[in-house]
Amino acid sequence: MTAAKKAIAPAKRKIRLDMDSLTLGDLEAFEEVVGGDLMAALAPQIVRDENGRPVPDFKDPKHRPLKEVKVSAKNMTGLVWIALRKDDPDLTLAQVKAIPLNNLDFDLAGAEGPDPIEPPSAGE
């Protein structure tokens, strides 16, 4: 492959969505494109083992169930779109859908600080 034909991999893109800065319009836009509620999409779920029992959170002194946020591919698309359209109001969903997952570094922040988001798994 010649140097002229070599594809240059785009740099990883840091995407930060601050929940405290969202507007009612942002929430409504998310619901329109995704067909679901943003807060429900980001609600932490109890992690369960292969037998369906809650996995304890060993970082918690009371060992309450471990919780994590898992976001479907459709919801992730909506989240990325809402975050990026703050800087680019003309951004389309098609453009967001074309961003490779390995080029995203997504950070969700809000009143309680940053939360990790589990990337969508195959089949979601």
Protein backbone atom coordinates (compact mmCIF):
# COMPACT_ATOMS: atom_id res chain seq x y z
CA MET A 1 0.00 0.00 0.00
CA THR A 2 1.41 3.38 -0.97
CA ALA A 3 1.68 6.23 1.48
CA ALA A 4 -0.97 8.14 -0.49
CA LYS A 5 -3.50 5.32 -0.05
CA LYS A 6 -2.77 4.68 3.62
CA ALA A 7 -5.70 5.66 5.80
CA ILE A 8 -4.88 7.83 8.75
CA ALA A 9 -6.72 6.68 11.84
CA PRO A 10 -8.66 9.53 13.44
CA ALA A 11 -7.67 10.49 16.95
CA LYS A 12 -9.74 9.27 19.86
CA ARG A 13 -12.51 11.75 20.51
CA LYS A 14 -13.25 12.77 24.10
CA ILE A 15 -16.99 13.25 24.55
CA ARG A 16 -18.26 14.70 27.80
CA LEU A 17 -21.95 14.91 28.59
CA ASP A 18 -22.67 16.96 31.69
CA MET A 19 -26.10 15.97 32.94
CA ASP A 20 -26.37 19.22 34.91
CA SER A 21 -26.12 21.28 31.72
CA LEU A 22 -28.83 19.43 29.78
CA THR A 23 -31.91 21.39 28.81
CA LEU A 24 -35.49 20.22 28.50
CA GLY A 25 -34.92 20.47 24.75
CA ASP A 26 -32.01 18.04 25.00
CA LEU A 27 -34.14 15.55 26.93
CA GLU A 28 -36.97 15.87 24.43
CA ALA A 29 -34.59 15.51 21.45
CA PHE A 30 -33.13 12.34 22.99
CA GLU A 31 -36.64 10.89 23.46
CA GLU A 32 -37.56 11.75 19.85
CA VAL A 33 -34.54 10.06 18.28
CA VAL A 34 -34.25 7.11 20.65
CA GLY A 35 -37.87 6.54 21.57
CA GLY A 36 -37.14 6.29 25.28
CA ASP A 37 -36.45 8.27 28.41
CA LEU A 38 -32.87 9.44 29.01
CA MET A 39 -32.98 9.01 32.77
CA ALA A 40 -34.29 5.44 32.43
CA ALA A 41 -31.55 4.69 29.89
CA LEU A 42 -28.90 5.80 32.39
CA ALA A 43 -30.36 4.20 35.51
CA PRO A 44 -27.83 1.94 37.25
CA GLN A 45 -28.76 -1.73 37.18
CA ILE A 46 -27.82 -4.37 39.74
CA VAL A 47 -25.06 -6.66 38.44
CA ARG A 48 -26.05 -10.32 38.71
CA ASP A 49 -23.98 -13.50 38.57
CA GLU A 50 -24.67 -16.48 36.28
CA ASN A 51 -27.30 -17.74 38.77
CA GLY A 52 -29.15 -14.42 38.85
CA ARG A 53 -27.96 -13.45 42.34
CA PRO A 54 -26.82 -9.87 42.98
CA VAL A 55 -23.04 -9.45 42.97
CA PRO A 56 -21.83 -7.67 46.11
CA ASP A 57 -19.88 -4.45 45.77
CA PHE A 58 -16.74 -5.16 47.80
CA LYS A 59 -15.79 -1.47 47.73
CA ASP A 60 -18.96 -0.75 49.71
CA PRO A 61 -18.46 -1.35 53.46
CA LYS A 62 -21.98 -2.82 53.65
CA HIS A 63 -21.42 -4.96 50.51
CA ARG A 64 -24.63 -3.73 48.89
CA PRO A 65 -25.24 -4.99 45.35
CA LEU A 66 -22.85 -3.76 42.69
CA LYS A 67 -24.53 -1.50 40.15
CA GLU A 68 -23.45 -0.37 36.71
CA VAL A 69 -24.88 1.57 33.82
CA LYS A 70 -25.19 -0.35 30.57
CA VAL A 71 -26.21 1.68 27.57
CA SER A 72 -27.62 0.16 24.37
CA ALA A 73 -26.14 1.13 21.01
CA LYS A 74 -29.22 3.19 20.17
CA ASN A 75 -29.05 5.06 23.47
CA MET A 76 -25.28 5.58 23.06
CA THR A 77 -25.93 7.12 19.63
CA GLY A 78 -28.46 9.49 21.19
CA LEU A 79 -26.09 10.42 24.02
CA VAL A 80 -23.18 11.10 21.68
CA TRP A 81 -25.45 13.14 19.38
CA ILE A 82 -26.73 15.29 22.26
CA ALA A 83 -23.20 15.84 23.59
CA LEU A 84 -21.63 16.72 20.23
CA ARG A 85 -24.44 18.91 18.95
CA LYS A 86 -23.64 21.44 21.69
CA ASP A 87 -20.56 22.35 19.61
CA ASP A 88 -22.01 21.43 16.19
CA PRO A 89 -25.78 22.11 15.98
CA ASP A 90 -25.87 20.82 12.37
CA LEU A 91 -24.54 17.38 13.35
CA THR A 92 -26.76 14.58 12.06
CA LEU A 93 -27.50 11.19 13.53
CA ALA A 94 -26.00 9.64 10.39
CA GLN A 95 -22.70 11.37 11.15
CA VAL A 96 -22.77 10.12 14.74
CA LYS A 97 -23.56 6.57 13.61
CA ALA A 98 -20.46 6.67 11.39
CA ILE A 99 -18.09 7.30 14.32
CA PRO A 100 -16.18 4.09 15.13
CA LEU A 101 -16.61 2.97 18.75
CA ASN A 102 -12.86 2.72 19.27
CA ASN A 103 -12.63 6.46 18.50
CA LEU A 104 -14.91 7.41 21.39
CA ASP A 105 -13.89 8.21 24.93
CA PHE A 106 -17.24 8.92 26.59
CA ASP A 107 -17.54 10.59 29.98
CA LEU A 108 -20.87 11.14 31.69
CA ALA A 109 -20.88 13.67 34.51
CA GLY A 110 -23.55 15.13 36.70
CA ALA A 111 -24.37 16.19 40.21
CA GLU A 112 -22.72 13.07 41.64
CA GLY A 113 -19.58 13.29 39.50
CA PRO A 114 -18.35 11.17 36.60
CA ASP A 115 -19.83 7.75 35.95
CA PRO A 116 -18.35 5.11 33.69
CA ILE A 117 -20.58 3.89 30.91
CA GLU A 118 -20.40 0.31 29.74
CA PRO A 119 -20.15 0.28 25.91
CA PRO A 120 -22.94 -1.50 24.08
CA SER A 121 -22.48 -5.22 23.67
CA ALA A 122 -23.17 -7.10 20.46
CA GLY A 123 -26.87 -7.62 19.90
CA GLU A 124 -28.08 -4.50 21.71
